[in-house]
Every structure is written in structure tokens, then in C-alpha cells.
Amino acid sequence: EIVKLDVQRAVYGTAPQRRRRPEPQSVMQGVAPSAEKRLAI
């Protein structure tokens, strides 16, 4: 019997869909992943 666990669902309660970050049109339009995480918190 192997261990098969959805870590995303176990930690957060749900399994959100993976969204692909859009490619920025310029350097100023790009948002760092750390800034996105901070805003989400």
C-alpha cells in the first residue's frame, strides 16, 4: 500500500487550480511571486 496524499488539499483544505501567470508586456508590469504571496496574505 503506497502513500498517495494530495498535499495541497491536506494543508489548505482545497485543491486550487494551477493558474499560469501571464507573461508581462514590459519589465514594469511584472509582479514578483513574493509580492503576490504578500498580497494574498
PDB file of all heavy atoms in Angstrom:
ATOM      1  N   GLU A   1       0.859  -1.185   0.000  1.00  0.00           N
ATOM      2  CA  GLU A   1       0.000   0.000   0.000  1.00  0.00           C
ATOM      3  C   GLU A   1       0.893   1.231   0.000  1.00  0.00           C
ATOM      4  O   GLU A   1       1.659   1.451   0.950  1.00  0.00           O
ATOM      5  CB  GLU A   1      -0.917   0.021   1.210  1.00  0.00           C
ATOM      6  CG  GLU A   1      -1.800   1.263   1.254  1.00  0.00           C
ATOM      7  CD  GLU A   1      -2.414   1.499   2.620  1.00  0.00           C
ATOM      8  OE1 GLU A   1      -2.568   0.514   3.365  1.00  0.00           O
ATOM      9  OE2 GLU A   1      -2.703   2.668   2.945  1.00  0.00           O
ATOM     10  N   ILE A   2       0.809   2.027  -1.019  1.00  0.00           N
ATOM     11  CA  ILE A   2       1.655   3.204  -1.134  1.00  0.00           C
ATOM     12  C   ILE A   2       0.961   4.405  -0.510  1.00  0.00           C
ATOM     13  O   ILE A   2      -0.251   4.402  -0.276  1.00  0.00           O
ATOM     14  CB  ILE A   2       1.987   3.496  -2.614  1.00  0.00           C
ATOM     15  CG1 ILE A   2       0.695   3.799  -3.384  1.00  0.00           C
ATOM     16  CG2 ILE A   2       2.747   2.339  -3.228  1.00  0.00           C
ATOM     17  CD1 ILE A   2       0.938   4.271  -4.789  1.00  0.00           C
ATOM     18  N   VAL A   3       1.747   5.427  -0.229  1.00  0.00           N
ATOM     19  CA  VAL A   3       1.220   6.682   0.295  1.00  0.00           C
ATOM     20  C   VAL A   3       0.956   7.607  -0.885  1.00  0.00           C
ATOM     21  O   VAL A   3       1.868   7.947  -1.637  1.00  0.00           O
ATOM     22  CB  VAL A   3       2.210   7.325   1.280  1.00  0.00           C
ATOM     23  CG1 VAL A   3       1.668   8.661   1.766  1.00  0.00           C
ATOM     24  CG2 VAL A   3       2.459   6.404   2.450  1.00  0.00           C
ATOM     25  N   LYS A   4      -0.292   7.984  -1.048  1.00  0.00           N
ATOM     26  CA  LYS A   4      -0.665   8.907  -2.111  1.00  0.00           C
ATOM     27  C   LYS A   4      -1.558   9.971  -1.492  1.00  0.00           C
ATOM     28  O   LYS A   4      -2.752   9.755  -1.256  1.00  0.00           O
ATOM     29  CB  LYS A   4      -1.381   8.183  -3.249  1.00  0.00           C
ATOM     30  CG  LYS A   4      -1.579   9.047  -4.490  1.00  0.00           C
ATOM     31  CD  LYS A   4      -2.124   8.247  -5.641  1.00  0.00           C
ATOM     32  CE  LYS A   4      -2.248   9.115  -6.890  1.00  0.00           C
ATOM     33  NZ  LYS A   4      -2.789   8.347  -8.039  1.00  0.00           N
ATOM     34  N   LEU A   5      -0.983  11.129  -1.208  1.00  0.00           N
ATOM     35  CA  LEU A   5      -1.673  12.186  -0.482  1.00  0.00           C
ATOM     36  C   LEU A   5      -1.615  13.471  -1.294  1.00  0.00           C
ATOM     37  O   LEU A   5      -0.559  13.831  -1.828  1.00  0.00           O
ATOM     38  CB  LEU A   5      -1.026  12.403   0.898  1.00  0.00           C
ATOM     39  CG  LEU A   5      -1.567  13.542   1.748  1.00  0.00           C
ATOM     40  CD1 LEU A   5      -2.983  13.254   2.191  1.00  0.00           C
ATOM     41  CD2 LEU A   5      -0.673  13.774   2.954  1.00  0.00           C
ATOM     42  N   ASP A   6      -2.752  14.158  -1.375  1.00  0.00           N
ATOM     43  CA  ASP A   6      -2.797  15.467  -2.007  1.00  0.00           C
ATOM     44  C   ASP A   6      -2.351  16.486  -0.966  1.00  0.00           C
ATOM     45  O   ASP A   6      -3.123  16.876  -0.074  1.00  0.00           O
ATOM     46  CB  ASP A   6      -4.214  15.771  -2.502  1.00  0.00           C
ATOM     47  CG  ASP A   6      -4.255  17.013  -3.394  1.00  0.00           C
ATOM     48  OD1 ASP A   6      -3.260  17.770  -3.395  1.00  0.00           O
ATOM     49  OD2 ASP A   6      -5.263  17.228  -4.072  1.00  0.00           O
ATOM     50  N   VAL A   7      -1.103  16.892  -1.038  1.00  0.00           N
ATOM     51  CA  VAL A   7      -0.551  17.800  -0.039  1.00  0.00           C
ATOM     52  C   VAL A   7      -1.284  19.137  -0.056  1.00  0.00           C
ATOM     53  O   VAL A   7      -1.544  19.740   0.990  1.00  0.00           O
ATOM     54  CB  VAL A   7       0.964  17.984  -0.274  1.00  0.00           C
ATOM     55  CG1 VAL A   7       1.544  18.969   0.724  1.00  0.00           C
ATOM     56  CG2 VAL A   7       1.679  16.647  -0.168  1.00  0.00           C
ATOM     57  N   GLN A   8      -1.633  19.618  -1.227  1.00  0.00           N
ATOM     58  CA  GLN A   8      -2.340  20.894  -1.334  1.00  0.00           C
ATOM     59  C   GLN A   8      -3.683  20.841  -0.611  1.00  0.00           C
ATOM     60  O   GLN A   8      -4.051  21.758   0.113  1.00  0.00           O
ATOM     61  CB  GLN A   8      -2.562  21.234  -2.811  1.00  0.00           C
ATOM     62  CG  GLN A   8      -3.024  22.657  -3.076  1.00  0.00           C
ATOM     63  CD  GLN A   8      -1.861  23.622  -3.108  1.00  0.00           C
ATOM     64  OE1 GLN A   8      -0.724  23.202  -2.933  1.00  0.00           O
ATOM     65  NE2 GLN A   8      -2.121  24.884  -3.302  1.00  0.00           N
ATOM     66  N   ARG A   9      -4.410  19.749  -0.773  1.00  0.00           N
ATOM     67  CA  ARG A   9      -5.710  19.628  -0.121  1.00  0.00           C
ATOM     68  C   ARG A   9      -5.556  19.412   1.377  1.00  0.00           C
ATOM     69  O   ARG A   9      -6.364  19.894   2.181  1.00  0.00           O
ATOM     70  CB  ARG A   9      -6.498  18.476  -0.737  1.00  0.00           C
ATOM     71  CG  ARG A   9      -7.928  18.363  -0.242  1.00  0.00           C
ATOM     72  CD  ARG A   9      -8.619  17.176  -0.899  1.00  0.00           C
ATOM     73  NE  ARG A   9      -8.699  17.333  -2.341  1.00  0.00           N
ATOM     74  CZ  ARG A   9      -9.661  18.009  -2.959  1.00  0.00           C
ATOM     75  NH1 ARG A   9     -10.612  18.612  -2.263  1.00  0.00           N
ATOM     76  NH2 ARG A   9      -9.664  18.098  -4.270  1.00  0.00           N
ATOM     77  N   ALA A  10      -4.523  18.665   1.795  1.00  0.00           N
ATOM     78  CA  ALA A  10      -4.339  18.404   3.219  1.00  0.00           C
ATOM     79  C   ALA A  10      -3.942  19.662   3.980  1.00  0.00           C
ATOM     80  O   ALA A  10      -4.335  19.862   5.130  1.00  0.00           O
ATOM     81  CB  ALA A  10      -3.278  17.317   3.410  1.00  0.00           C
ATOM     82  N   VAL A  11      -3.159  20.536   3.352  1.00  0.00           N
ATOM     83  CA  VAL A  11      -2.669  21.731   4.043  1.00  0.00           C
ATOM     84  C   VAL A  11      -3.680  22.861   3.979  1.00  0.00           C
ATOM     85  O   VAL A  11      -3.982  23.516   4.975  1.00  0.00           O
ATOM     86  CB  VAL A  11      -1.316  22.164   3.439  1.00  0.00           C
ATOM     87  CG1 VAL A  11      -0.879  23.495   4.026  1.00  0.00           C
ATOM     88  CG2 VAL A  11      -0.265  21.109   3.700  1.00  0.00           C
ATOM     89  N   TYR A  12      -4.251  23.096   2.801  1.00  0.00           N
ATOM     90  CA  TYR A  12      -5.118  24.251   2.611  1.00  0.00           C
ATOM     91  C   TYR A  12      -6.605  23.908   2.626  1.00  0.00           C
ATOM     92  O   TYR A  12      -7.441  24.806   2.618  1.00  0.00           O
ATOM     93  CB  TYR A  12      -4.794  24.945   1.281  1.00  0.00           C
ATOM     94  CG  TYR A  12      -3.366  25.412   1.198  1.00  0.00           C
ATOM     95  CD1 TYR A  12      -2.454  24.758   0.390  1.00  0.00           C
ATOM     96  CD2 TYR A  12      -2.938  26.503   1.948  1.00  0.00           C
ATOM     97  CE1 TYR A  12      -1.128  25.180   0.318  1.00  0.00           C
ATOM     98  CE2 TYR A  12      -1.623  26.935   1.877  1.00  0.00           C
ATOM     99  CZ  TYR A  12      -0.733  26.270   1.061  1.00  0.00           C
ATOM    100  OH  TYR A  12       0.567  26.688   0.998  1.00  0.00           O
ATOM    101  N   GLY A  13      -6.973  22.620   2.625  1.00  0.00           N
ATOM    102  CA  GLY A  13      -8.366  22.238   2.644  1.00  0.00           C
ATOM    103  C   GLY A  13      -8.982  22.113   1.282  1.00  0.00           C
ATOM    104  O   GLY A  13      -9.996  21.450   1.114  1.00  0.00           O
ATOM    105  N   THR A  14      -8.414  22.721   0.283  1.00  0.00           N
ATOM    106  CA  THR A  14      -8.911  22.648  -1.087  1.00  0.00           C
ATOM    107  C   THR A  14      -7.741  22.418  -2.025  1.00  0.00           C
ATOM    108  O   THR A  14      -6.577  22.554  -1.629  1.00  0.00           O
ATOM    109  CB  THR A  14      -9.645  23.939  -1.498  1.00  0.00           C
ATOM    110  OG1 THR A  14      -8.744  25.048  -1.367  1.00  0.00           O
ATOM    111  CG2 THR A  14     -10.867  24.170  -0.628  1.00  0.00           C
ATOM    112  N   ALA A  15      -8.070  22.096  -3.234  1.00  0.00           N
ATOM    113  CA  ALA A  15      -7.045  21.899  -4.266  1.00  0.00           C
ATOM    114  C   ALA A  15      -7.255  22.951  -5.342  1.00  0.00           C
ATOM    115  O   ALA A  15      -7.988  22.716  -6.317  1.00  0.00           O
ATOM    116  CB  ALA A  15      -7.110  20.494  -4.851  1.00  0.00           C
ATOM    117  N   PRO A  16      -6.708  24.140  -5.186  1.00  0.00           N
ATOM    118  CA  PRO A  16      -6.944  25.183  -6.191  1.00  0.00           C
ATOM    119  C   PRO A  16      -6.311  24.828  -7.523  1.00  0.00           C
ATOM    120  O   PRO A  16      -5.320  24.108  -7.597  1.00  0.00           O
ATOM    121  CB  PRO A  16      -6.267  26.412  -5.578  1.00  0.00           C
ATOM    122  CG  PRO A  16      -5.240  25.861  -4.647  1.00  0.00           C
ATOM    123  CD  PRO A  16      -5.796  24.581  -4.127  1.00  0.00           C
ATOM    124  N   GLN A  17      -6.924  25.334  -8.571  1.00  0.00           N
ATOM    125  CA  GLN A  17      -6.410  25.084  -9.902  1.00  0.00           C
ATOM    126  C   GLN A  17      -5.119  25.868 -10.115  1.00  0.00           C
ATOM    127  O   GLN A  17      -4.949  26.978  -9.609  1.00  0.00           O
ATOM    128  CB  GLN A  17      -7.440  25.483 -10.959  1.00  0.00           C
ATOM    129  CG  GLN A  17      -8.741  24.699 -10.885  1.00  0.00           C
ATOM    130  CD  GLN A  17      -9.715  25.139 -11.950  1.00  0.00           C
ATOM    131  OE1 GLN A  17      -9.443  26.081 -12.693  1.00  0.00           O
ATOM    132  NE2 GLN A  17     -10.842  24.461 -12.017  1.00  0.00           N
ATOM    133  N   ARG A  18      -4.237  25.252 -10.850  1.00  0.00           N
ATOM    134  CA  ARG A  18      -2.975  25.907 -11.161  1.00  0.00           C
ATOM    135  C   ARG A  18      -3.191  26.921 -12.275  1.00  0.00           C
ATOM    136  O   ARG A  18      -3.637  26.574 -13.363  1.00  0.00           O
ATOM    137  CB  ARG A  18      -1.922  24.884 -11.574  1.00  0.00           C
ATOM    138  CG  ARG A  18      -1.543  23.925 -10.460  1.00  0.00           C
ATOM    139  CD  ARG A  18      -0.493  22.952 -10.936  1.00  0.00           C
ATOM    140  NE  ARG A  18      -0.086  22.054  -9.878  1.00  0.00           N
ATOM    141  CZ  ARG A  18       0.877  22.311  -9.006  1.00  0.00           C
ATOM    142  NH1 ARG A  18       1.513  23.477  -9.060  1.00  0.00           N
ATOM    143  NH2 ARG A  18       1.196  21.430  -8.077  1.00  0.00           N
ATOM    144  N   ARG A  19      -2.879  28.158 -11.971  1.00  0.00           N
ATOM    145  CA  ARG A  19      -3.045  29.219 -12.971  1.00  0.00           C
ATOM    146  C   ARG A  19      -1.676  29.652 -13.475  1.00  0.00           C
ATOM    147  O   ARG A  19      -0.755  29.869 -12.692  1.00  0.00           O
ATOM    148  CB  ARG A  19      -3.776  30.412 -12.367  1.00  0.00           C
ATOM    149  CG  ARG A  19      -5.212  30.113 -11.927  1.00  0.00           C
ATOM    150  CD  ARG A  19      -5.858  31.356 -11.362  1.00  0.00           C
ATOM    151  NE  ARG A  19      -5.106  31.879 -10.232  1.00  0.00           N
ATOM    152  CZ  ARG A  19      -5.377  33.040  -9.634  1.00  0.00           C
ATOM    153  NH1 ARG A  19      -6.360  33.801 -10.077  1.00  0.00           N
ATOM    154  NH2 ARG A  19      -4.653  33.441  -8.611  1.00  0.00           N
ATOM    155  N   ARG A  20      -1.572  29.765 -14.736  1.00  0.00           N
ATOM    156  CA  ARG A  20      -0.323  30.210 -15.346  1.00  0.00           C
ATOM    157  C   ARG A  20      -0.266  31.733 -15.320  1.00  0.00           C
ATOM    158  O   ARG A  20      -1.194  32.405 -15.763  1.00  0.00           O
ATOM    159  CB  ARG A  20      -0.229  29.711 -16.789  1.00  0.00           C
ATOM    160  CG  ARG A  20       1.077  30.093 -17.472  1.00  0.00           C
ATOM    161  CD  ARG A  20       1.128  29.530 -18.871  1.00  0.00           C
ATOM    162  NE  ARG A  20       2.346  29.903 -19.544  1.00  0.00           N
ATOM    163  CZ  ARG A  20       3.488  29.242 -19.438  1.00  0.00           C
ATOM    164  NH1 ARG A  20       3.540  28.169 -18.686  1.00  0.00           N
ATOM    165  NH2 ARG A  20       4.569  29.641 -20.085  1.00  0.00           N
ATOM    166  N   ARG A  21       0.800  32.268 -14.760  1.00  0.00           N
ATOM    167  CA  ARG A  21       0.964  33.707 -14.676  1.00  0.00           C
ATOM    168  C   ARG A  21       1.180  34.274 -16.068  1.00  0.00           C
ATOM    169  O   ARG A  21       2.004  33.780 -16.848  1.00  0.00           O
ATOM    170  CB  ARG A  21       2.159  34.065 -13.788  1.00  0.00           C
ATOM    171  CG  ARG A  21       1.984  33.615 -12.344  1.00  0.00           C
ATOM    172  CD  ARG A  21       3.211  33.899 -11.501  1.00  0.00           C
ATOM    173  NE  ARG A  21       3.433  35.334 -11.380  1.00  0.00           N
ATOM    174  CZ  ARG A  21       4.494  35.963 -11.838  1.00  0.00           C
ATOM    175  NH1 ARG A  21       5.425  35.307 -12.479  1.00  0.00           N
ATOM    176  NH2 ARG A  21       4.632  37.261 -11.667  1.00  0.00           N
ATOM    177  N   PRO A  22       0.431  35.323 -16.445  1.00  0.00           N
ATOM    178  CA  PRO A  22       0.595  35.901 -17.790  1.00  0.00           C
ATOM    179  C   PRO A  22       1.972  36.518 -17.944  1.00  0.00           C
ATOM    180  O   PRO A  22       2.563  37.058 -17.007  1.00  0.00           O
ATOM    181  CB  PRO A  22      -0.514  36.958 -17.849  1.00  0.00           C
ATOM    182  CG  PRO A  22      -0.783  37.306 -16.428  1.00  0.00           C
ATOM    183  CD  PRO A  22      -0.557  36.050 -15.637  1.00  0.00           C
ATOM    184  N   GLU A  23       2.478  36.424 -19.147  1.00  0.00           N
ATOM    185  CA  GLU A  23       3.777  36.998 -19.433  1.00  0.00           C
ATOM    186  C   GLU A  23       3.670  38.530 -19.420  1.00  0.00           C
ATOM    187  O   GLU A  23       2.770  39.107 -20.036  1.00  0.00           O
ATOM    188  CB  GLU A  23       4.277  36.542 -20.803  1.00  0.00           C
ATOM    189  CG  GLU A  23       4.534  35.046 -20.876  1.00  0.00           C
ATOM    190  CD  GLU A  23       5.699  34.652 -20.012  1.00  0.00           C
ATOM    191  OE1 GLU A  23       6.559  35.529 -19.736  1.00  0.00           O
ATOM    192  OE2 GLU A  23       5.763  33.478 -19.605  1.00  0.00           O
ATOM    193  N   PRO A  24       4.545  39.248 -18.702  1.00  0.00           N
ATOM    194  CA  PRO A  24       4.466  40.709 -18.673  1.00  0.00           C
ATOM    195  C   PRO A  24       4.850  41.316 -20.015  1.00  0.00           C
ATOM    196  O   PRO A  24       5.737  40.821 -20.717  1.00  0.00           O
ATOM    197  CB  PRO A  24       5.466  41.082 -17.573  1.00  0.00           C
ATOM    198  CG  PRO A  24       6.429  39.941 -17.538  1.00  0.00           C
ATOM    199  CD  PRO A  24       5.629  38.713 -17.872  1.00  0.00           C
ATOM    200  N   GLN A  25       4.161  42.382 -20.352  1.00  0.00           N
ATOM    201  CA  GLN A  25       4.456  43.081 -21.600  1.00  0.00           C
ATOM    202  C   GLN A  25       5.713  43.925 -21.472  1.00  0.00           C
ATOM    203  O   GLN A  25       6.366  44.220 -22.460  1.00  0.00           O
ATOM    204  CB  GLN A  25       3.261  43.967 -21.994  1.00  0.00           C
ATOM    205  CG  GLN A  25       1.975  43.186 -22.209  1.00  0.00           C
ATOM    206  CD  GLN A  25       2.099  42.188 -23.349  1.00  0.00           C
ATOM    207  OE1 GLN A  25       2.810  42.425 -24.316  1.00  0.00           O
ATOM    208  NE2 GLN A  25       1.415  41.050 -23.203  1.00  0.00           N
ATOM    209  N   SER A  26       6.043  44.343 -20.239  1.00  0.00           N
ATOM    210  CA  SER A  26       7.248  45.127 -20.009  1.00  0.00           C
ATOM    211  C   SER A  26       7.789  44.762 -18.638  1.00  0.00           C
ATOM    212  O   SER A  26       7.166  44.016 -17.875  1.00  0.00           O
ATOM    213  CB  SER A  26       6.941  46.634 -20.079  1.00  0.00           C
ATOM    214  OG  SER A  26       6.045  47.011 -19.051  1.00  0.00           O
ATOM    215  N   VAL A  27       8.953  45.287 -18.322  1.00  0.00           N
ATOM    216  CA  VAL A  27       9.565  44.988 -17.032  1.00  0.00           C
ATOM    217  C   VAL A  27       8.752  45.588 -15.895  1.00  0.00           C
ATOM    218  O   VAL A  27       8.601  44.990 -14.823  1.00  0.00           O
ATOM    219  CB  VAL A  27      11.017  45.522 -17.012  1.00  0.00           C
ATOM    220  CG1 VAL A  27      11.662  45.253 -15.666  1.00  0.00           C
ATOM    221  CG2 VAL A  27      11.810  44.888 -18.138  1.00  0.00           C
ATOM    222  N   MET A  28       8.152  46.743 -16.073  1.00  0.00           N
ATOM    223  CA  MET A  28       7.401  47.402 -15.023  1.00  0.00           C
ATOM    224  C   MET A  28       6.082  46.690 -14.737  1.00  0.00           C
ATOM    225  O   MET A  28       5.530  46.819 -13.642  1.00  0.00           O
ATOM    226  CB  MET A  28       7.121  48.856 -15.413  1.00  0.00           C
ATOM    227  CG  MET A  28       8.385  49.686 -15.607  1.00  0.00           C
ATOM    228  SD  MET A  28       9.421  49.725 -14.121  1.00  0.00           S
ATOM    229  CE  MET A  28       8.317  50.567 -12.998  1.00  0.00           C
ATOM    230  N   GLN A  29       5.544  45.945 -15.702  1.00  0.00           N
ATOM    231  CA  GLN A  29       4.279  45.279 -15.481  1.00  0.00           C
ATOM    232  C   GLN A  29       4.420  43.942 -14.746  1.00  0.00           C
ATOM    233  O   GLN A  29       3.432  43.385 -14.284  1.00  0.00           O
ATOM    234  CB  GLN A  29       3.585  45.032 -16.826  1.00  0.00           C
ATOM    235  CG  GLN A  29       3.161  46.306 -17.535  1.00  0.00           C
ATOM    236  CD  GLN A  29       2.487  46.005 -18.855  1.00  0.00           C
ATOM    237  OE1 GLN A  29       2.283  44.845 -19.200  1.00  0.00           O
ATOM    238  NE2 GLN A  29       2.139  47.047 -19.587  1.00  0.00           N
ATOM    239  N   GLY A  30       5.610  43.403 -14.623  1.00  0.00           N
ATOM    240  CA  GLY A  30       5.802  42.125 -13.957  1.00  0.00           C
ATOM    241  C   GLY A  30       5.694  42.268 -12.444  1.00  0.00           C
ATOM    242  O   GLY A  30       6.195  43.227 -11.853  1.00  0.00           O
ATOM    243  N   VAL A  31       5.048  41.316 -11.790  1.00  0.00           N
ATOM    244  CA  VAL A  31       4.870  41.294 -10.342  1.00  0.00           C
ATOM    245  C   VAL A  31       5.607  40.077  -9.805  1.00  0.00           C
ATOM    246  O   VAL A  31       5.420  38.956 -10.297  1.00  0.00           O
ATOM    247  CB  VAL A  31       3.381  41.244  -9.956  1.00  0.00           C
ATOM    248  CG1 VAL A  31       3.226  41.232  -8.443  1.00  0.00           C
ATOM    249  CG2 VAL A  31       2.649  42.430 -10.559  1.00  0.00           C
ATOM    250  N   ALA A  32       6.439  40.288  -8.797  1.00  0.00           N
ATOM    251  CA  ALA A  32       7.218  39.206  -8.229  1.00  0.00           C
ATOM    252  C   ALA A  32       6.305  38.228  -7.493  1.00  0.00           C
ATOM    253  O   ALA A  32       5.284  38.623  -6.917  1.00  0.00           O
ATOM    254  CB  ALA A  32       8.274  39.758  -7.272  1.00  0.00           C
ATOM    255  N   PRO A  33       6.648  36.935  -7.477  1.00  0.00           N
ATOM    256  CA  PRO A  33       5.820  35.978  -6.737  1.00  0.00           C
ATOM    257  C   PRO A  33       5.727  36.311  -5.255  1.00  0.00           C
ATOM    258  O   PRO A  33       4.701  36.062  -4.625  1.00  0.00           O
ATOM    259  CB  PRO A  33       6.527  34.642  -6.981  1.00  0.00           C
ATOM    260  CG  PRO A  33       7.299  34.844  -8.247  1.00  0.00           C
ATOM    261  CD  PRO A  33       7.703  36.282  -8.248  1.00  0.00           C
ATOM    262  N   SER A  34       6.810  36.854  -4.651  1.00  0.00           N
ATOM    263  CA  SER A  34       6.753  37.222  -3.234  1.00  0.00           C
ATOM    264  C   SER A  34       5.733  38.323  -2.988  1.00  0.00           C
ATOM    265  O   SER A  34       5.028  38.322  -1.964  1.00  0.00           O
ATOM    266  CB  SER A  34       8.143  37.676  -2.767  1.00  0.00           C
ATOM    267  OG  SER A  34       8.593  38.775  -3.541  1.00  0.00           O
ATOM    268  N   ALA A  35       5.602  39.267  -3.918  1.00  0.00           N
ATOM    269  CA  ALA A  35       4.601  40.315  -3.770  1.00  0.00           C
ATOM    270  C   ALA A  35       3.189  39.759  -3.894  1.00  0.00           C
ATOM    271  O   ALA A  35       2.270  40.185  -3.182  1.00  0.00           O
ATOM    272  CB  ALA A  35       4.837  41.416  -4.803  1.00  0.00           C
ATOM    273  N   GLU A  36       3.005  38.795  -4.784  1.00  0.00           N
ATOM    274  CA  GLU A  36       1.699  38.156  -4.909  1.00  0.00           C
ATOM    275  C   GLU A  36       1.337  37.404  -3.632  1.00  0.00           C
ATOM    276  O   GLU A  36       0.184  37.474  -3.165  1.00  0.00           O
ATOM    277  CB  GLU A  36       1.702  37.198  -6.099  1.00  0.00           C
ATOM    278  CG  GLU A  36       1.748  37.888  -7.451  1.00  0.00           C
ATOM    279  CD  GLU A  36       1.637  36.893  -8.589  1.00  0.00           C
ATOM    280  OE1 GLU A  36       1.667  35.673  -8.293  1.00  0.00           O
ATOM    281  OE2 GLU A  36       1.525  37.318  -9.737  1.00  0.00           O
ATOM    282  N   LYS A  37       2.290  36.693  -3.037  1.00  0.00           N
ATOM    283  CA  LYS A  37       2.013  35.978  -1.798  1.00  0.00           C
ATOM    284  C   LYS A  37       1.698  36.952  -0.665  1.00  0.00           C
ATOM    285  O   LYS A  37       0.787  36.719   0.133  1.00  0.00           O
ATOM    286  CB  LYS A  37       3.208  35.103  -1.430  1.00  0.00           C
ATOM    287  CG  LYS A  37       3.009  34.294  -0.161  1.00  0.00           C
ATOM    288  CD  LYS A  37       4.272  33.593   0.269  1.00  0.00           C
ATOM    289  CE  LYS A  37       4.691  32.560  -0.739  1.00  0.00           C
ATOM    290  NZ  LYS A  37       5.884  31.797  -0.270  1.00  0.00           N
ATOM    291  N   ARG A  38       2.428  38.064  -0.593  1.00  0.00           N
ATOM    292  CA  ARG A  38       2.177  39.044   0.460  1.00  0.00           C
ATOM    293  C   ARG A  38       0.777  39.636   0.322  1.00  0.00           C
ATOM    294  O   ARG A  38       0.048  39.787   1.313  1.00  0.00           O
ATOM    295  CB  ARG A  38       3.234  40.149   0.384  1.00  0.00           C
ATOM    296  CG  ARG A  38       3.175  41.155   1.517  1.00  0.00           C
ATOM    297  CD  ARG A  38       4.340  42.120   1.405  1.00  0.00           C
ATOM    298  NE  ARG A  38       4.420  42.969   2.569  1.00  0.00           N
ATOM    299  CZ  ARG A  38       3.767  44.092   2.728  1.00  0.00           C
ATOM    300  NH1 ARG A  38       2.941  44.507   1.757  1.00  0.00           N
ATOM    301  NH2 ARG A  38       3.887  44.816   3.818  1.00  0.00           N
ATOM    302  N   LEU A  39       0.367  39.950  -0.891  1.00  0.00           N
ATOM    303  CA  LEU A  39      -0.965  40.495  -1.103  1.00  0.00           C
ATOM    304  C   LEU A  39      -2.041  39.469  -0.771  1.00  0.00           C
ATOM    305  O   LEU A  39      -3.093  39.807  -0.207  1.00  0.00           O
ATOM    306  CB  LEU A  39      -1.103  40.967  -2.553  1.00  0.00           C
ATOM    307  CG  LEU A  39      -2.441  41.627  -2.931  1.00  0.00           C
ATOM    308  CD1 LEU A  39      -2.700  42.855  -2.064  1.00  0.00           C
ATOM    309  CD2 LEU A  39      -2.462  41.997  -4.405  1.00  0.00           C
ATOM    310  N   ALA A  40      -1.792  38.209  -1.077  1.00  0.00           N
ATOM    311  CA  ALA A  40      -2.768  37.165  -0.759  1.00  0.00           C
ATOM    312  C   ALA A  40      -2.926  37.014   0.749  1.00  0.00           C
ATOM    313  O   ALA A  40      -4.031  36.790   1.258  1.00  0.00           O
ATOM    314  CB  ALA A  40      -2.332  35.846  -1.389  1.00  0.00           C
ATOM    315  N   ILE A  41      -1.825  37.132   1.518  1.00  0.00           N
ATOM    316  CA  ILE A  41      -1.912  37.040   2.977  1.00  0.00           C
ATOM    317  C   ILE A  41      -2.688  38.213   3.542  1.00  0.00           C
ATOM    318  O   ILE A  41      -3.524  38.053   4.449  1.00  0.00           O
ATOM    319  CB  ILE A  41      -0.489  36.962   3.570  1.00  0.00           C
ATOM    320  CG1 ILE A  41       0.190  35.659   3.150  1.00  0.00           C
ATOM    321  CG2 ILE A  41      -0.526  37.065   5.083  1.00  0.00           C
ATOM    322  CD1 ILE A  41       1.642  35.586   3.511  1.00  0.00           C
TER     323      ILE A  41
END
